[in-house]
Amino acid sequence: MKIGLTGDTHNNLSSIDNICKIFNANKVALVVHTGDISLPKALDSFKKLNSKLIGVYGNNDQGDIKDLEAVCRKNNFDFVQGYREESIQGKKIYIVHDPLDIDDSFYACGDMIFHGHTHRFRDEVFKNTHIFNPGECAGMMKGKNQVGIIDIPESKMEIFRF
């Protein structure tokens, strides 16, 4: 199963369009957004996906939570405040926005942790847990836009630049 991973899209509608094209072309079964969408119109742009969208809200989403939640209801997206825990093909996955919110208990029973916030690529194993952040997705750092596609259950992330 392929999971698309993005975050920190910060209202960049052209980046979101590219992200949707990449994930649709690669036939991902699920897309995870690690927060900092920022405005409802940006979240609404993800309706172009051919897969389910889940995620967490980031620090830059807090002022528009009610409107973001309305977009989620309209499009059947599933976002939560704080962190979320998912079980996908036998793998336990924790999703947070800020890596400082990773709790030590996530390592004890988690197979993977997805996070955003830093705009920096991360693909490492720490305490027997795979930690992934595809990096920059908002166009803030020219030439650095990228998303990840994670192959479950192999726990391997492939990067797609745009």
Protein backbone atom coordinates (compact mmCIF):
# COMPACT_ATOMS: atom_id res chain seq x y z
CA MET A 1 0.00 0.00 0.00
CA LYS A 2 1.27 3.46 -0.89
CA ILE A 3 0.69 6.47 1.36
CA GLY A 4 1.30 10.02 0.17
CA LEU A 5 2.90 12.31 2.75
CA THR A 6 2.82 16.10 2.65
CA GLY A 7 2.61 19.00 5.03
CA ASP A 8 3.35 22.67 5.51
CA THR A 9 1.60 23.61 2.26
CA HIS A 10 0.87 27.13 3.62
CA ASN A 11 -1.75 28.23 1.07
CA ASN A 12 0.40 27.58 -1.98
CA LEU A 13 -2.37 26.55 -4.38
CA SER A 14 -0.02 25.76 -7.27
CA SER A 15 2.03 23.47 -5.00
CA ILE A 16 -1.15 21.76 -3.82
CA ASP A 17 -2.17 21.22 -7.45
CA ASN A 18 1.21 19.59 -8.14
CA ILE A 19 0.96 17.49 -4.98
CA CYS A 20 -2.45 16.16 -6.03
CA LYS A 21 -1.14 15.33 -9.51
CA ILE A 22 1.84 13.43 -8.09
CA PHE A 23 -0.26 11.41 -5.65
CA ASN A 24 -2.95 10.66 -8.25
CA ALA A 25 -0.37 9.59 -10.85
CA ASN A 26 1.22 7.24 -8.31
CA LYS A 27 -2.16 5.83 -7.24
CA VAL A 28 -1.65 6.30 -3.51
CA ALA A 29 -4.37 4.76 -1.36
CA LEU A 30 -4.18 7.42 1.35
CA VAL A 31 -2.71 10.91 1.73
CA VAL A 32 -1.50 12.20 5.11
CA HIS A 33 -1.10 15.94 5.70
CA THR A 34 1.03 16.89 8.70
CA GLY A 35 -0.47 20.35 9.18
CA ASP A 36 -0.03 24.02 8.34
CA ILE A 37 -2.54 24.17 5.55
CA SER A 38 -3.36 27.68 6.78
CA LEU A 39 -6.55 28.67 4.93
CA PRO A 40 -9.75 26.82 4.06
CA LYS A 41 -9.36 27.47 0.31
CA ALA A 42 -6.02 25.65 0.40
CA LEU A 43 -7.53 22.63 2.16
CA ASP A 44 -10.43 22.64 -0.31
CA SER A 45 -7.89 22.33 -3.17
CA PHE A 46 -7.09 18.81 -1.98
CA LYS A 47 -10.52 17.69 -3.27
CA LYS A 48 -8.64 16.90 -6.51
CA LEU A 49 -7.14 13.83 -4.84
CA ASN A 50 -8.34 10.40 -5.92
CA SER A 51 -7.69 9.05 -2.43
CA LYS A 52 -8.73 9.67 1.14
CA LEU A 53 -7.10 12.60 2.97
CA ILE A 54 -6.34 12.54 6.70
CA GLY A 55 -4.15 14.73 8.83
CA VAL A 56 -3.50 16.94 11.79
CA TYR A 57 -3.76 20.69 12.15
CA GLY A 58 -0.57 22.70 12.58
CA ASN A 59 0.28 25.85 14.48
CA ASN A 60 -0.59 28.06 11.48
CA ASP A 61 -4.07 26.51 11.21
CA GLN A 62 -5.32 27.58 14.63
CA GLY A 63 -6.98 30.83 13.58
CA ASP A 64 -9.15 29.12 10.96
CA ILE A 65 -10.06 25.83 12.69
CA LYS A 66 -13.84 26.24 12.38
CA ASP A 67 -13.63 27.00 8.66
CA LEU A 68 -11.08 24.22 8.08
CA GLU A 69 -13.39 21.78 9.87
CA ALA A 70 -16.25 22.88 7.58
CA VAL A 71 -14.09 22.10 4.53
CA CYS A 72 -13.30 18.69 6.04
CA ARG A 73 -16.99 17.90 6.49
CA LYS A 74 -17.78 19.05 2.93
CA ASN A 75 -15.02 16.93 1.36
CA ASN A 76 -15.01 13.99 3.78
CA PHE A 77 -11.46 14.80 4.94
CA ASP A 78 -10.43 13.64 8.41
CA PHE A 79 -8.26 16.08 10.40
CA VAL A 80 -7.72 16.32 14.16
CA GLN A 81 -6.08 18.66 16.65
CA GLY A 82 -2.93 17.37 18.33
CA TYR A 83 -1.69 13.98 17.21
CA ARG A 84 -3.37 10.98 15.70
CA GLU A 85 -2.64 7.29 15.83
CA GLU A 86 -3.42 5.04 12.85
CA SER A 87 -3.05 1.35 12.18
CA ILE A 88 -2.34 0.63 8.52
CA GLN A 89 -1.56 -2.87 7.28
CA GLY A 90 -0.41 -3.90 10.72
CA LYS A 91 1.83 -0.84 11.22
CA LYS A 92 1.16 1.64 14.01
CA ILE A 93 1.68 5.17 12.75
CA TYR A 94 1.70 8.39 14.77
CA ILE A 95 1.07 11.69 13.00
CA VAL A 96 2.06 15.02 14.58
CA HIS A 97 2.75 18.47 13.24
CA ASP A 98 5.68 19.60 15.39
CA PRO A 99 8.39 17.01 16.12
CA LEU A 100 8.65 18.49 19.62
CA ASP A 101 5.22 16.94 20.22
CA ILE A 102 6.56 13.41 19.68
CA ASP A 103 5.98 11.62 22.96
CA ASP A 104 8.42 8.95 24.18
CA SER A 105 5.51 6.49 24.28
CA PHE A 106 5.28 6.71 20.45
CA TYR A 107 8.60 4.90 20.21
CA ALA A 108 7.56 2.07 22.49
CA CYS A 109 4.69 0.93 20.28
CA GLY A 110 5.00 2.89 17.05
CA ASP A 111 6.39 1.60 13.81
CA MET A 112 6.39 5.03 12.14
CA ILE A 113 6.05 8.71 12.98
CA PHE A 114 5.11 11.32 10.38
CA HIS A 115 5.68 15.00 11.15
CA GLY A 116 5.99 18.39 9.49
CA HIS A 117 6.69 21.88 10.86
CA THR A 118 10.44 22.04 10.14
CA HIS A 119 10.25 22.15 6.31
CA ARG A 120 13.24 19.81 6.40
CA PHE A 121 13.53 16.34 4.91
CA ARG A 122 13.75 13.55 7.45
CA ASP A 123 13.97 9.81 6.83
CA GLU A 124 15.60 8.08 9.75
CA VAL A 125 15.23 5.31 12.27
CA PHE A 126 15.32 6.35 15.93
CA LYS A 127 14.60 3.91 18.77
CA ASN A 128 13.50 1.29 16.20
CA THR A 129 10.87 3.71 14.80
CA HIS A 130 10.90 5.16 11.27
CA ILE A 131 10.47 8.93 11.30
CA PHE A 132 9.46 10.69 8.10
CA ASN A 133 9.02 14.30 7.00
CA PRO A 134 9.10 14.91 3.23
CA GLY A 135 10.32 18.47 3.82
CA GLU A 136 9.38 21.62 1.94
CA CYS A 137 5.98 21.59 0.23
CA ALA A 138 4.98 25.28 0.26
CA GLY A 139 7.35 26.82 -2.25
CA MET A 140 9.08 28.90 0.41
CA MET A 141 12.52 27.57 -0.52
CA LYS A 142 12.94 27.72 -4.30
CA GLY A 143 13.74 24.36 -5.88
CA LYS A 144 13.11 22.42 -2.67
CA ASN A 145 9.45 21.38 -3.10
CA GLN A 146 8.95 17.69 -2.46
CA VAL A 147 6.50 15.13 -1.15
CA GLY A 148 6.98 11.57 -0.03
CA ILE A 149 5.32 8.31 -0.93
CA ILE A 150 5.73 5.65 1.70
CA ASP A 151 5.44 1.99 0.86
CA ILE A 152 3.67 0.13 3.66
CA PRO A 153 4.66 -2.34 5.10
CA GLU A 154 8.25 -1.94 3.82
CA SER A 155 8.61 1.46 5.56
CA LYS A 156 10.48 3.01 2.63
CA MET A 157 9.91 6.60 1.52
CA GLU A 158 10.44 7.78 -2.04
CA ILE A 159 10.76 11.53 -2.66
CA PHE A 160 9.09 13.33 -5.54
CA ARG A 161 10.33 16.83 -6.34
CA PHE A 162 8.33 19.46 -8.18
